[in-house]
N, C-alpha and C. Protein backbone atom coordinates (compact mmCIF):
# COMPACT_ATOMS: atom_id res chain seq x y z
N UNK A 1 0.84 -1.19 0.00
CA UNK A 1 0.00 0.00 0.00
C UNK A 1 0.88 1.25 0.00
N UNK A 2 0.55 2.21 -0.85
CA UNK A 2 1.31 3.45 -0.88
C UNK A 2 0.94 4.30 0.33
N UNK A 3 1.82 5.23 0.64
CA UNK A 3 1.57 6.09 1.79
C UNK A 3 0.39 7.02 1.54
N UNK A 4 -0.44 7.18 2.54
CA UNK A 4 -1.57 8.10 2.45
C UNK A 4 -1.09 9.52 2.65
N UNK A 5 -0.14 9.70 3.59
CA UNK A 5 0.30 11.05 3.95
C UNK A 5 1.78 10.99 4.34
N UNK A 6 2.55 11.93 3.82
CA UNK A 6 3.94 12.06 4.27
C UNK A 6 3.95 12.92 5.52
N UNK A 7 4.81 12.58 6.47
CA UNK A 7 4.85 13.30 7.73
C UNK A 7 6.29 13.72 8.02
N UNK A 8 6.46 14.99 8.31
CA UNK A 8 7.76 15.53 8.66
C UNK A 8 8.41 16.28 7.51
N UNK A 9 9.07 17.37 7.86
CA UNK A 9 9.72 18.22 6.86
C UNK A 9 10.74 17.45 6.03
N UNK A 10 11.47 16.55 6.66
CA UNK A 10 12.50 15.81 5.94
C UNK A 10 11.90 14.97 4.82
N UNK A 11 10.89 14.18 5.13
CA UNK A 11 10.27 13.31 4.12
C UNK A 11 9.58 14.11 3.02
N UNK A 12 8.91 15.18 3.41
CA UNK A 12 8.21 16.00 2.42
C UNK A 12 9.20 16.67 1.48
N UNK A 13 10.21 17.29 2.04
CA UNK A 13 11.19 17.99 1.20
C UNK A 13 12.03 17.02 0.37
N UNK A 14 12.31 15.88 0.90
CA UNK A 14 13.04 14.87 0.13
C UNK A 14 12.22 14.46 -1.10
N UNK A 15 10.93 14.37 -0.94
CA UNK A 15 10.05 13.97 -2.04
C UNK A 15 10.07 14.97 -3.19
N UNK A 16 10.31 16.25 -2.89
CA UNK A 16 10.29 17.28 -3.93
C UNK A 16 11.66 17.89 -4.19
N UNK A 17 12.69 17.33 -3.58
CA UNK A 17 14.06 17.79 -3.85
C UNK A 17 14.40 19.14 -3.25
N UNK A 18 13.88 19.42 -2.09
CA UNK A 18 14.14 20.70 -1.42
C UNK A 18 14.78 20.45 -0.06
N UNK A 19 15.35 21.50 0.52
CA UNK A 19 15.99 21.43 1.82
C UNK A 19 14.93 21.55 2.92
N UNK A 20 14.87 20.61 3.85
CA UNK A 20 13.87 20.66 4.91
C UNK A 20 13.95 21.93 5.77
N UNK A 21 15.11 22.55 5.83
CA UNK A 21 15.23 23.79 6.60
C UNK A 21 14.38 24.91 6.01
N UNK A 22 14.02 24.77 4.74
CA UNK A 22 13.28 25.83 4.05
C UNK A 22 11.79 25.55 3.94
N UNK A 23 11.27 24.58 4.66
CA UNK A 23 9.88 24.18 4.45
C UNK A 23 8.89 25.31 4.75
N UNK A 24 9.12 26.09 5.77
CA UNK A 24 8.19 27.17 6.09
C UNK A 24 8.11 28.17 4.94
N UNK A 25 9.25 28.55 4.39
CA UNK A 25 9.27 29.49 3.28
C UNK A 25 8.67 28.88 2.02
N UNK A 26 8.92 27.59 1.81
CA UNK A 26 8.34 26.92 0.64
C UNK A 26 6.82 26.91 0.72
N UNK A 27 6.29 26.65 1.90
CA UNK A 27 4.83 26.66 2.08
C UNK A 27 4.28 28.07 1.92
N UNK A 28 4.90 29.01 2.60
CA UNK A 28 4.40 30.38 2.61
C UNK A 28 4.61 31.10 1.28
N UNK A 29 5.80 30.98 0.70
CA UNK A 29 6.15 31.79 -0.47
C UNK A 29 5.99 31.07 -1.80
N UNK A 30 6.11 29.76 -1.80
CA UNK A 30 6.08 29.01 -3.06
C UNK A 30 4.87 28.11 -3.20
N UNK A 31 4.02 28.08 -2.19
CA UNK A 31 2.78 27.32 -2.28
C UNK A 31 2.93 25.82 -2.09
N UNK A 32 4.01 25.38 -1.47
CA UNK A 32 4.16 23.94 -1.20
C UNK A 32 2.94 23.46 -0.42
N UNK A 33 2.25 22.44 -0.90
CA UNK A 33 1.00 22.01 -0.26
C UNK A 33 1.24 21.11 0.96
N UNK A 34 1.70 21.74 2.04
CA UNK A 34 1.92 21.03 3.30
C UNK A 34 1.27 21.84 4.41
N UNK A 35 0.97 21.17 5.49
CA UNK A 35 0.29 21.84 6.60
C UNK A 35 0.66 21.22 7.92
N UNK A 36 0.35 21.95 8.98
CA UNK A 36 0.44 21.45 10.35
C UNK A 36 -0.97 21.50 10.92
N UNK A 37 -1.32 20.51 11.69
CA UNK A 37 -2.63 20.50 12.34
C UNK A 37 -2.61 21.50 13.48
N UNK A 38 -3.52 22.47 13.45
CA UNK A 38 -3.61 23.52 14.48
C UNK A 38 -2.29 24.27 14.67
N UNK A 39 -1.54 24.42 13.60
CA UNK A 39 -0.25 25.14 13.62
C UNK A 39 0.77 24.56 14.60
N UNK A 40 0.66 23.27 14.87
CA UNK A 40 1.67 22.64 15.73
C UNK A 40 1.87 21.20 15.28
N UNK A 41 2.89 20.59 15.79
CA UNK A 41 3.19 19.21 15.40
C UNK A 41 3.99 19.13 14.12
N UNK A 42 3.94 18.00 13.50
CA UNK A 42 4.72 17.73 12.30
C UNK A 42 4.04 18.27 11.05
N UNK A 43 4.86 18.60 10.07
CA UNK A 43 4.34 18.94 8.75
C UNK A 43 3.75 17.69 8.13
N UNK A 44 2.71 17.85 7.33
CA UNK A 44 2.06 16.74 6.64
C UNK A 44 1.78 17.16 5.19
N UNK A 45 1.78 16.18 4.30
CA UNK A 45 1.47 16.46 2.89
C UNK A 45 1.00 15.18 2.21
N UNK A 46 0.11 15.36 1.26
CA UNK A 46 -0.36 14.23 0.46
C UNK A 46 0.54 14.06 -0.76
N UNK A 47 0.97 12.84 -1.03
CA UNK A 47 1.86 12.62 -2.17
C UNK A 47 1.32 13.17 -3.49
N UNK A 48 0.02 13.00 -3.73
CA UNK A 48 -0.54 13.49 -5.00
C UNK A 48 -0.50 15.01 -5.08
N UNK A 49 -0.62 15.71 -3.94
CA UNK A 49 -0.49 17.17 -3.94
C UNK A 49 0.94 17.59 -4.23
N UNK A 50 1.89 16.85 -3.68
CA UNK A 50 3.30 17.16 -3.94
C UNK A 50 3.66 16.92 -5.40
N UNK A 51 3.13 15.85 -5.98
CA UNK A 51 3.37 15.59 -7.40
C UNK A 51 2.82 16.72 -8.26
N UNK A 52 1.63 17.16 -7.95
CA UNK A 52 1.02 18.27 -8.70
C UNK A 52 1.87 19.54 -8.56
N UNK A 53 2.33 19.82 -7.34
CA UNK A 53 3.12 21.02 -7.08
C UNK A 53 4.43 20.99 -7.85
N UNK A 54 5.11 19.84 -7.85
CA UNK A 54 6.40 19.77 -8.53
C UNK A 54 6.22 19.89 -10.04
N UNK A 55 5.12 19.36 -10.58
CA UNK A 55 4.83 19.54 -12.01
C UNK A 55 4.55 21.00 -12.33
N UNK A 56 3.83 21.68 -11.45
CA UNK A 56 3.57 23.11 -11.66
C UNK A 56 4.88 23.90 -11.64
N UNK A 57 5.79 23.54 -10.73
CA UNK A 57 7.10 24.20 -10.68
C UNK A 57 7.86 23.97 -11.99
N UNK A 58 7.84 22.74 -12.46
CA UNK A 58 8.50 22.41 -13.73
C UNK A 58 7.91 23.24 -14.86
N UNK A 59 6.60 23.25 -14.98
CA UNK A 59 5.95 23.96 -16.07
C UNK A 59 6.20 25.46 -16.01
N UNK A 60 6.26 26.00 -14.80
CA UNK A 60 6.48 27.43 -14.63
C UNK A 60 7.90 27.83 -15.02
N UNK A 61 8.88 26.96 -14.80
CA UNK A 61 10.27 27.35 -14.99
C UNK A 61 10.94 26.75 -16.22
N UNK A 62 10.39 25.71 -16.79
CA UNK A 62 11.06 25.05 -17.90
C UNK A 62 11.13 25.94 -19.14
N UNK A 63 10.13 26.75 -19.36
CA UNK A 63 10.16 27.60 -20.55
C UNK A 63 11.31 28.60 -20.47
N UNK A 64 11.62 29.09 -19.28
CA UNK A 64 12.77 30.00 -19.12
C UNK A 64 14.06 29.28 -19.47
N UNK A 65 14.21 28.05 -19.04
CA UNK A 65 15.41 27.29 -19.30
C UNK A 65 15.55 26.97 -20.79
N UNK A 66 14.48 26.52 -21.41
CA UNK A 66 14.50 26.17 -22.82
C UNK A 66 14.79 27.41 -23.65
N UNK A 67 14.16 28.53 -23.33
CA UNK A 67 14.38 29.77 -24.07
C UNK A 67 15.83 30.21 -23.95
N UNK A 68 16.40 30.14 -22.76
CA UNK A 68 17.79 30.53 -22.53
C UNK A 68 18.73 29.63 -23.32
N UNK A 69 18.45 28.32 -23.33
CA UNK A 69 19.28 27.38 -24.09
C UNK A 69 19.29 27.73 -25.58
N UNK A 70 18.14 28.11 -26.11
CA UNK A 70 18.07 28.47 -27.53
C UNK A 70 18.87 29.71 -27.81
N UNK A 71 18.82 30.69 -26.90
CA UNK A 71 19.60 31.92 -27.08
C UNK A 71 21.09 31.66 -27.02
N UNK A 72 21.49 30.71 -26.16
CA UNK A 72 22.90 30.43 -25.98
C UNK A 72 23.45 29.46 -27.01
N UNK A 73 22.60 28.93 -27.86
CA UNK A 73 23.10 28.09 -28.94
C UNK A 73 22.92 26.60 -28.77
N UNK A 74 21.98 26.14 -27.96
CA UNK A 74 21.70 24.72 -27.86
C UNK A 74 21.96 24.13 -26.51
N UNK A 75 21.58 22.88 -26.38
CA UNK A 75 21.73 22.15 -25.12
C UNK A 75 22.97 21.30 -25.17
N UNK A 76 23.37 20.83 -23.98
CA UNK A 76 24.54 19.94 -23.89
C UNK A 76 24.20 18.54 -24.34
């Protein structure tokens, strides 16, 4: 059975390739879909929400990378 909910900043940030020390800023400033129950305890997140968030991050930033690569003369 797959996990229903990830618990803890380490597991959540590991799932999306981010530093757990930055989880508060990621939630507040970047919209990372994680929460604490009653603003205390461990961070929690649903895997499907994290997958959606990381895809949104990719879609938001990939066009900048691809455009820059074209200007610089191609990819490696």
